[in-house]
Each structure stands twice: as structure tokens, then as C-alpha cells.
Amino acid sequence: MAKKSSPEPFYSMARRAGDILFLSGFGPVENGEVVGANIEEQTIFTMDAMAAILEKEGATFDNCVRVNVFLLDMADRDGFNKTYMNYFKNKGRMPTRRLVGAGDMYKGILVEIDATAYVGDE
């Protein structure tokens, strides 16, 4: 499982509001350094870090109802999507998603992801 740096003091990694769990933006950064040389490696690190927080809160990616993805370069879309799909068991119930190109990402990371998960009874 991916390691992660301690969160900055001005935000929470996750915050629960009733049956809704909000995950902050996650990126491929550990101890202030960028992890991974390409979109696949950076996506794996980021998704593993998110998975650890979801698990801590009693959830999985299949609980996610909304995901926002920011890519430094939209040319990385296919590589990102291929890696991203590996994290969802129920392909018939994928979360809604926004994927946008974002310039000037923190330390030049290639990807940042945040999510909203429903953790109540269905």
C-alpha cells in the first residue's frame, strides 16, 4: 500500500458528513517529492493512497459516487484511464467523473484526484 506524507495542517485527507465521505485532492507526492516517472506510475501511487483512506473509513472505490481528475497533459488520458479502471470491481456502477486538463500542477505532478463516496446503506 502506498505511503503518504502527513497532511498539511490546513485540510483533512477525508471528512465524513453523515453518509457522505469527501476525499481531498490526492497526488503522487510522498515526503514532498514526486513519486513516479509517468502517468501510470503516478496514478497507481495516487489511487493506492486514496484506497488506504477509503479503507480506513470502511469504504472502497466502489463506494465512490463522484471523482474529479486533473491531468497536467490531456495526452495522458488513455494511460490514466487504463490504470484507473483497475481500481473498480463493479464496472457497471462506475462513479460519475470529471476529467480536465489542468496546468501548473503542484511540483509538476501529472495527476491529482479527489472523490466523494456514499458510505450509508443502499
N, C-alpha and C. Protein backbone atom coordinates (compact mmCIF):
# COMPACT_ATOMS: atom_id res chain seq x y z
N MET A 1 0.84 -1.17 0.00
CA MET A 1 0.00 0.00 0.00
C MET A 1 0.88 1.24 0.00
N ALA A 2 0.43 2.25 -0.69
CA ALA A 2 1.22 3.47 -0.81
C ALA A 2 1.38 4.16 0.52
N LYS A 3 2.54 4.75 0.70
CA LYS A 3 2.77 5.60 1.87
C LYS A 3 2.31 6.99 1.49
N LYS A 4 2.12 7.81 2.48
CA LYS A 4 1.75 9.19 2.19
C LYS A 4 2.34 10.09 3.24
N SER A 5 2.56 11.30 2.84
CA SER A 5 3.05 12.29 3.79
C SER A 5 1.92 12.68 4.72
N SER A 6 2.29 13.25 5.85
CA SER A 6 1.28 13.80 6.74
C SER A 6 0.56 14.92 6.00
N PRO A 7 -0.74 15.03 6.20
CA PRO A 7 -1.47 16.10 5.51
C PRO A 7 -1.03 17.47 6.03
N GLU A 8 -1.16 18.44 5.18
CA GLU A 8 -0.90 19.82 5.58
C GLU A 8 -1.90 20.18 6.67
N PRO A 9 -1.56 21.12 7.53
CA PRO A 9 -2.45 21.44 8.65
C PRO A 9 -3.72 22.18 8.24
N PHE A 10 -3.80 22.62 6.98
CA PHE A 10 -4.96 23.41 6.57
C PHE A 10 -6.05 22.59 5.86
N TYR A 11 -5.93 21.29 5.83
CA TYR A 11 -7.02 20.46 5.29
C TYR A 11 -6.95 19.05 5.85
N SER A 12 -8.06 18.32 5.69
CA SER A 12 -8.15 16.92 6.10
C SER A 12 -8.02 16.03 4.88
N MET A 13 -7.44 14.86 5.05
CA MET A 13 -7.37 13.90 3.94
C MET A 13 -8.77 13.42 3.56
N ALA A 14 -9.63 13.29 4.58
CA ALA A 14 -11.02 12.88 4.35
C ALA A 14 -11.88 13.51 5.43
N ARG A 15 -13.14 13.74 5.08
CA ARG A 15 -14.08 14.30 6.04
C ARG A 15 -15.44 13.67 5.77
N ARG A 16 -16.01 13.14 6.83
CA ARG A 16 -17.31 12.49 6.73
C ARG A 16 -18.40 13.46 7.16
N ALA A 17 -19.50 13.47 6.41
CA ALA A 17 -20.68 14.26 6.74
C ALA A 17 -21.88 13.32 6.60
N GLY A 18 -22.29 12.72 7.72
CA GLY A 18 -23.37 11.73 7.65
C GLY A 18 -22.90 10.52 6.86
N ASP A 19 -23.64 10.20 5.81
CA ASP A 19 -23.32 9.05 4.96
C ASP A 19 -22.41 9.38 3.79
N ILE A 20 -21.92 10.60 3.74
CA ILE A 20 -21.08 11.04 2.63
C ILE A 20 -19.64 11.25 3.13
N LEU A 21 -18.69 10.71 2.39
CA LEU A 21 -17.28 10.84 2.69
C LEU A 21 -16.62 11.64 1.56
N PHE A 22 -15.97 12.72 1.92
CA PHE A 22 -15.27 13.57 0.96
C PHE A 22 -13.77 13.35 1.10
N LEU A 23 -13.10 13.02 0.00
CA LEU A 23 -11.65 12.86 -0.01
C LEU A 23 -11.03 14.09 -0.64
N SER A 24 -9.99 14.61 -0.01
CA SER A 24 -9.25 15.75 -0.55
C SER A 24 -8.53 15.34 -1.82
N GLY A 25 -7.96 16.31 -2.49
CA GLY A 25 -7.16 16.02 -3.68
C GLY A 25 -5.92 15.23 -3.32
N PHE A 26 -5.72 14.13 -4.00
CA PHE A 26 -4.55 13.27 -3.80
C PHE A 26 -3.68 13.34 -5.04
N GLY A 27 -2.39 13.36 -4.83
CA GLY A 27 -1.44 13.33 -5.93
C GLY A 27 -0.25 12.46 -5.58
N PRO A 28 0.62 12.21 -6.54
CA PRO A 28 1.77 11.33 -6.34
C PRO A 28 2.93 12.04 -5.64
N VAL A 29 2.72 12.41 -4.39
CA VAL A 29 3.75 13.11 -3.63
C VAL A 29 3.92 12.41 -2.30
N GLU A 30 5.17 12.10 -1.96
CA GLU A 30 5.49 11.49 -0.69
C GLU A 30 6.68 12.23 -0.09
N ASN A 31 6.51 12.67 1.13
CA ASN A 31 7.56 13.43 1.82
C ASN A 31 8.07 14.60 0.97
N GLY A 32 7.13 15.25 0.28
CA GLY A 32 7.47 16.43 -0.51
C GLY A 32 8.08 16.16 -1.86
N GLU A 33 8.23 14.89 -2.22
CA GLU A 33 8.85 14.53 -3.50
C GLU A 33 7.83 13.83 -4.41
N VAL A 34 7.92 14.11 -5.71
CA VAL A 34 7.05 13.48 -6.69
C VAL A 34 7.44 12.01 -6.83
N VAL A 35 6.44 11.14 -6.85
CA VAL A 35 6.66 9.69 -6.99
C VAL A 35 6.13 9.25 -8.35
N GLY A 36 6.95 8.56 -9.11
CA GLY A 36 6.54 8.02 -10.40
C GLY A 36 7.00 8.89 -11.56
N ALA A 37 7.45 8.22 -12.61
CA ALA A 37 8.01 8.92 -13.76
C ALA A 37 7.02 9.11 -14.90
N ASN A 38 5.87 8.42 -14.84
CA ASN A 38 4.89 8.52 -15.93
C ASN A 38 3.49 8.48 -15.36
N ILE A 39 2.50 8.66 -16.21
CA ILE A 39 1.11 8.75 -15.74
C ILE A 39 0.65 7.47 -15.07
N GLU A 40 1.07 6.32 -15.56
CA GLU A 40 0.65 5.06 -14.95
C GLU A 40 1.19 4.93 -13.53
N GLU A 41 2.48 5.18 -13.35
CA GLU A 41 3.08 5.08 -12.01
C GLU A 41 2.49 6.11 -11.06
N GLN A 42 2.27 7.31 -11.53
CA GLN A 42 1.71 8.34 -10.67
C GLN A 42 0.25 8.05 -10.33
N THR A 43 -0.49 7.48 -11.26
CA THR A 43 -1.89 7.12 -10.99
C THR A 43 -1.95 5.99 -9.96
N ILE A 44 -1.09 4.99 -10.09
CA ILE A 44 -1.07 3.89 -9.13
C ILE A 44 -0.78 4.42 -7.73
N PHE A 45 0.23 5.25 -7.59
CA PHE A 45 0.56 5.80 -6.27
C PHE A 45 -0.64 6.57 -5.70
N THR A 46 -1.24 7.42 -6.52
CA THR A 46 -2.35 8.25 -6.08
C THR A 46 -3.56 7.41 -5.69
N MET A 47 -3.92 6.44 -6.52
CA MET A 47 -5.08 5.60 -6.24
C MET A 47 -4.84 4.72 -5.02
N ASP A 48 -3.62 4.22 -4.84
CA ASP A 48 -3.31 3.42 -3.65
C ASP A 48 -3.43 4.26 -2.38
N ALA A 49 -2.98 5.51 -2.43
CA ALA A 49 -3.11 6.39 -1.27
C ALA A 49 -4.59 6.65 -0.96
N MET A 50 -5.38 6.85 -2.00
CA MET A 50 -6.83 7.05 -1.80
C MET A 50 -7.47 5.79 -1.24
N ALA A 51 -7.06 4.63 -1.75
CA ALA A 51 -7.61 3.36 -1.28
C ALA A 51 -7.36 3.17 0.21
N ALA A 52 -6.18 3.59 0.68
CA ALA A 52 -5.85 3.46 2.10
C ALA A 52 -6.78 4.32 2.96
N ILE A 53 -7.08 5.52 2.51
CA ILE A 53 -8.00 6.38 3.26
C ILE A 53 -9.42 5.83 3.19
N LEU A 54 -9.85 5.38 2.03
CA LEU A 54 -11.18 4.77 1.92
C LEU A 54 -11.31 3.58 2.86
N GLU A 55 -10.30 2.71 2.86
CA GLU A 55 -10.32 1.53 3.73
C GLU A 55 -10.40 1.94 5.20
N LYS A 56 -9.63 2.93 5.58
CA LYS A 56 -9.66 3.42 6.96
C LYS A 56 -11.06 3.88 7.36
N GLU A 57 -11.82 4.37 6.39
CA GLU A 57 -13.18 4.85 6.63
C GLU A 57 -14.23 3.78 6.36
N GLY A 58 -13.79 2.54 6.11
CA GLY A 58 -14.72 1.43 5.89
C GLY A 58 -15.34 1.42 4.50
N ALA A 59 -14.63 1.94 3.51
CA ALA A 59 -15.16 2.04 2.15
C ALA A 59 -14.15 1.52 1.14
N THR A 60 -14.58 1.44 -0.11
CA THR A 60 -13.71 1.08 -1.23
C THR A 60 -14.03 2.03 -2.37
N PHE A 61 -13.33 1.88 -3.47
CA PHE A 61 -13.64 2.71 -4.64
C PHE A 61 -15.06 2.47 -5.15
N ASP A 62 -15.61 1.30 -4.89
CA ASP A 62 -16.98 1.04 -5.33
C ASP A 62 -18.00 1.88 -4.56
N ASN A 63 -17.61 2.50 -3.46
CA ASN A 63 -18.48 3.43 -2.74
C ASN A 63 -18.44 4.83 -3.34
N CYS A 64 -17.48 5.09 -4.20
CA CYS A 64 -17.35 6.43 -4.78
C CYS A 64 -18.49 6.71 -5.74
N VAL A 65 -19.08 7.89 -5.59
CA VAL A 65 -20.16 8.31 -6.47
C VAL A 65 -19.72 9.44 -7.40
N ARG A 66 -18.65 10.12 -7.05
CA ARG A 66 -18.14 11.22 -7.87
C ARG A 66 -16.62 11.27 -7.74
N VAL A 67 -15.94 11.40 -8.87
CA VAL A 67 -14.49 11.51 -8.89
C VAL A 67 -14.14 12.69 -9.81
N ASN A 68 -13.23 13.51 -9.35
CA ASN A 68 -12.70 14.62 -10.16
C ASN A 68 -11.22 14.36 -10.41
N VAL A 69 -10.85 14.40 -11.68
CA VAL A 69 -9.48 14.09 -12.08
C VAL A 69 -8.91 15.30 -12.81
N PHE A 70 -7.70 15.66 -12.43
CA PHE A 70 -6.99 16.76 -13.07
C PHE A 70 -5.70 16.20 -13.65
N LEU A 71 -5.53 16.34 -14.96
CA LEU A 71 -4.32 15.87 -15.63
C LEU A 71 -3.51 17.07 -16.11
N LEU A 72 -2.22 17.00 -15.90
CA LEU A 72 -1.35 18.06 -16.39
C LEU A 72 -1.40 18.13 -17.91
N ASP A 73 -1.47 16.95 -18.55
CA ASP A 73 -1.45 16.87 -20.01
C ASP A 73 -2.56 15.91 -20.45
N MET A 74 -3.52 16.41 -21.20
CA MET A 74 -4.63 15.55 -21.65
C MET A 74 -4.16 14.43 -22.56
N ALA A 75 -2.96 14.50 -23.07
CA ALA A 75 -2.41 13.40 -23.87
C ALA A 75 -2.22 12.14 -23.01
N ASP A 76 -2.23 12.31 -21.68
CA ASP A 76 -2.08 11.17 -20.76
C ASP A 76 -3.42 10.49 -20.45
N ARG A 77 -4.49 10.95 -21.06
CA ARG A 77 -5.83 10.44 -20.75
C ARG A 77 -5.94 8.92 -20.89
N ASP A 78 -5.49 8.37 -21.97
CA ASP A 78 -5.63 6.92 -22.19
C ASP A 78 -4.85 6.12 -21.16
N GLY A 79 -3.62 6.52 -20.88
CA GLY A 79 -2.82 5.82 -19.87
C GLY A 79 -3.44 5.93 -18.50
N PHE A 80 -3.99 7.10 -18.20
CA PHE A 80 -4.68 7.28 -16.92
C PHE A 80 -5.89 6.36 -16.84
N ASN A 81 -6.76 6.41 -17.86
CA ASN A 81 -7.99 5.62 -17.83
C ASN A 81 -7.72 4.13 -17.67
N LYS A 82 -6.72 3.62 -18.38
CA LYS A 82 -6.39 2.19 -18.30
C LYS A 82 -6.02 1.81 -16.86
N THR A 83 -5.23 2.62 -16.21
CA THR A 83 -4.80 2.34 -14.83
C THR A 83 -5.95 2.55 -13.86
N TYR A 84 -6.69 3.63 -14.02
CA TYR A 84 -7.82 3.99 -13.15
C TYR A 84 -8.85 2.86 -13.09
N MET A 85 -9.17 2.27 -14.23
CA MET A 85 -10.21 1.23 -14.29
C MET A 85 -9.87 0.01 -13.44
N ASN A 86 -8.60 -0.24 -13.18
CA ASN A 86 -8.19 -1.40 -12.38
C ASN A 86 -8.65 -1.30 -10.93
N TYR A 87 -9.05 -0.14 -10.49
CA TYR A 87 -9.40 0.07 -9.09
C TYR A 87 -10.89 -0.11 -8.79
N PHE A 88 -11.69 -0.40 -9.80
CA PHE A 88 -13.13 -0.55 -9.60
C PHE A 88 -13.55 -1.97 -9.95
N LYS A 89 -14.14 -2.65 -8.97
CA LYS A 89 -14.60 -4.03 -9.19
C LYS A 89 -15.90 -4.06 -9.97
N ASN A 90 -16.82 -3.16 -9.64
CA ASN A 90 -18.14 -3.15 -10.26
C ASN A 90 -18.15 -2.17 -11.43
N LYS A 91 -17.73 -2.65 -12.60
CA LYS A 91 -17.63 -1.78 -13.78
C LYS A 91 -19.00 -1.26 -14.24
N GLY A 92 -20.06 -1.91 -13.83
CA GLY A 92 -21.40 -1.47 -14.20
C GLY A 92 -21.91 -0.31 -13.36
N ARG A 93 -21.18 0.04 -12.29
CA ARG A 93 -21.60 1.13 -11.41
C ARG A 93 -20.44 2.08 -11.14
N MET A 94 -19.84 2.55 -12.21
CA MET A 94 -18.73 3.49 -12.09
C MET A 94 -19.24 4.82 -11.54
N PRO A 95 -18.39 5.54 -10.80
CA PRO A 95 -18.82 6.85 -10.30
C PRO A 95 -18.92 7.85 -11.44
N THR A 96 -19.70 8.90 -11.23
CA THR A 96 -19.66 9.99 -12.20
C THR A 96 -18.26 10.58 -12.12
N ARG A 97 -17.83 11.22 -13.21
CA ARG A 97 -16.45 11.68 -13.21
C ARG A 97 -16.30 12.93 -14.06
N ARG A 98 -15.41 13.78 -13.60
CA ARG A 98 -14.98 14.92 -14.40
C ARG A 98 -13.48 14.74 -14.59
N LEU A 99 -13.02 14.87 -15.83
CA LEU A 99 -11.59 14.78 -16.13
C LEU A 99 -11.24 16.04 -16.93
N VAL A 100 -10.36 16.83 -16.36
CA VAL A 100 -10.00 18.09 -17.00
C VAL A 100 -8.48 18.24 -17.08
N GLY A 101 -8.06 19.00 -18.05
CA GLY A 101 -6.65 19.36 -18.16
C GLY A 101 -6.39 20.52 -17.21
N ALA A 102 -5.32 20.43 -16.47
CA ALA A 102 -5.00 21.47 -15.50
C ALA A 102 -3.53 21.82 -15.63
N GLY A 103 -3.25 23.05 -15.89
CA GLY A 103 -1.86 23.48 -15.98
C GLY A 103 -1.33 23.86 -14.61
N ASP A 104 -0.04 23.93 -14.51
CA ASP A 104 0.62 24.39 -13.30
C ASP A 104 0.23 23.58 -12.06
N MET A 105 0.35 22.28 -12.15
CA MET A 105 0.04 21.41 -11.02
C MET A 105 1.21 21.44 -10.04
N TYR A 106 0.92 21.13 -8.78
CA TYR A 106 1.90 21.14 -7.70
C TYR A 106 3.12 20.32 -8.08
N LYS A 107 4.28 20.93 -8.06
CA LYS A 107 5.57 20.28 -8.35
C LYS A 107 5.59 19.58 -9.71
N GLY A 108 4.69 19.94 -10.61
CA GLY A 108 4.66 19.33 -11.93
C GLY A 108 4.09 17.93 -11.96
N ILE A 109 3.32 17.54 -10.92
CA ILE A 109 2.72 16.21 -10.94
C ILE A 109 1.82 16.07 -12.16
N LEU A 110 1.62 14.86 -12.60
CA LEU A 110 0.84 14.59 -13.80
C LEU A 110 -0.64 14.40 -13.51
N VAL A 111 -1.00 14.09 -12.25
CA VAL A 111 -2.39 13.78 -11.92
C VAL A 111 -2.71 14.18 -10.48
N GLU A 112 -3.93 14.65 -10.28
CA GLU A 112 -4.48 14.85 -8.94
C GLU A 112 -5.94 14.40 -8.99
N ILE A 113 -6.38 13.73 -7.92
CA ILE A 113 -7.73 13.16 -7.90
C ILE A 113 -8.37 13.45 -6.55
N ASP A 114 -9.65 13.82 -6.58
CA ASP A 114 -10.45 13.87 -5.36
C ASP A 114 -11.71 13.07 -5.59
N ALA A 115 -12.42 12.73 -4.51
CA ALA A 115 -13.59 11.87 -4.65
C ALA A 115 -14.61 12.13 -3.56
N THR A 116 -15.84 11.74 -3.87
CA THR A 116 -16.93 11.73 -2.91
C THR A 116 -17.49 10.32 -2.89
N ALA A 117 -17.66 9.77 -1.68
CA ALA A 117 -18.15 8.40 -1.55
C ALA A 117 -19.40 8.37 -0.68
N TYR A 118 -20.32 7.49 -1.01
CA TYR A 118 -21.51 7.26 -0.21
C TYR A 118 -21.21 6.04 0.66
N VAL A 119 -21.29 6.21 1.97
CA VAL A 119 -20.93 5.14 2.89
C VAL A 119 -22.10 4.69 3.76
N GLY A 120 -23.31 5.04 3.36
CA GLY A 120 -24.50 4.60 4.09
C GLY A 120 -25.07 3.33 3.48
N ASP A 121 -26.24 2.96 3.93
CA ASP A 121 -26.92 1.77 3.38
C ASP A 121 -27.53 2.12 2.03
N GLU A 122 -27.47 1.17 1.11
CA GLU A 122 -28.08 1.41 -0.22
C GLU A 122 -29.47 0.84 -0.24
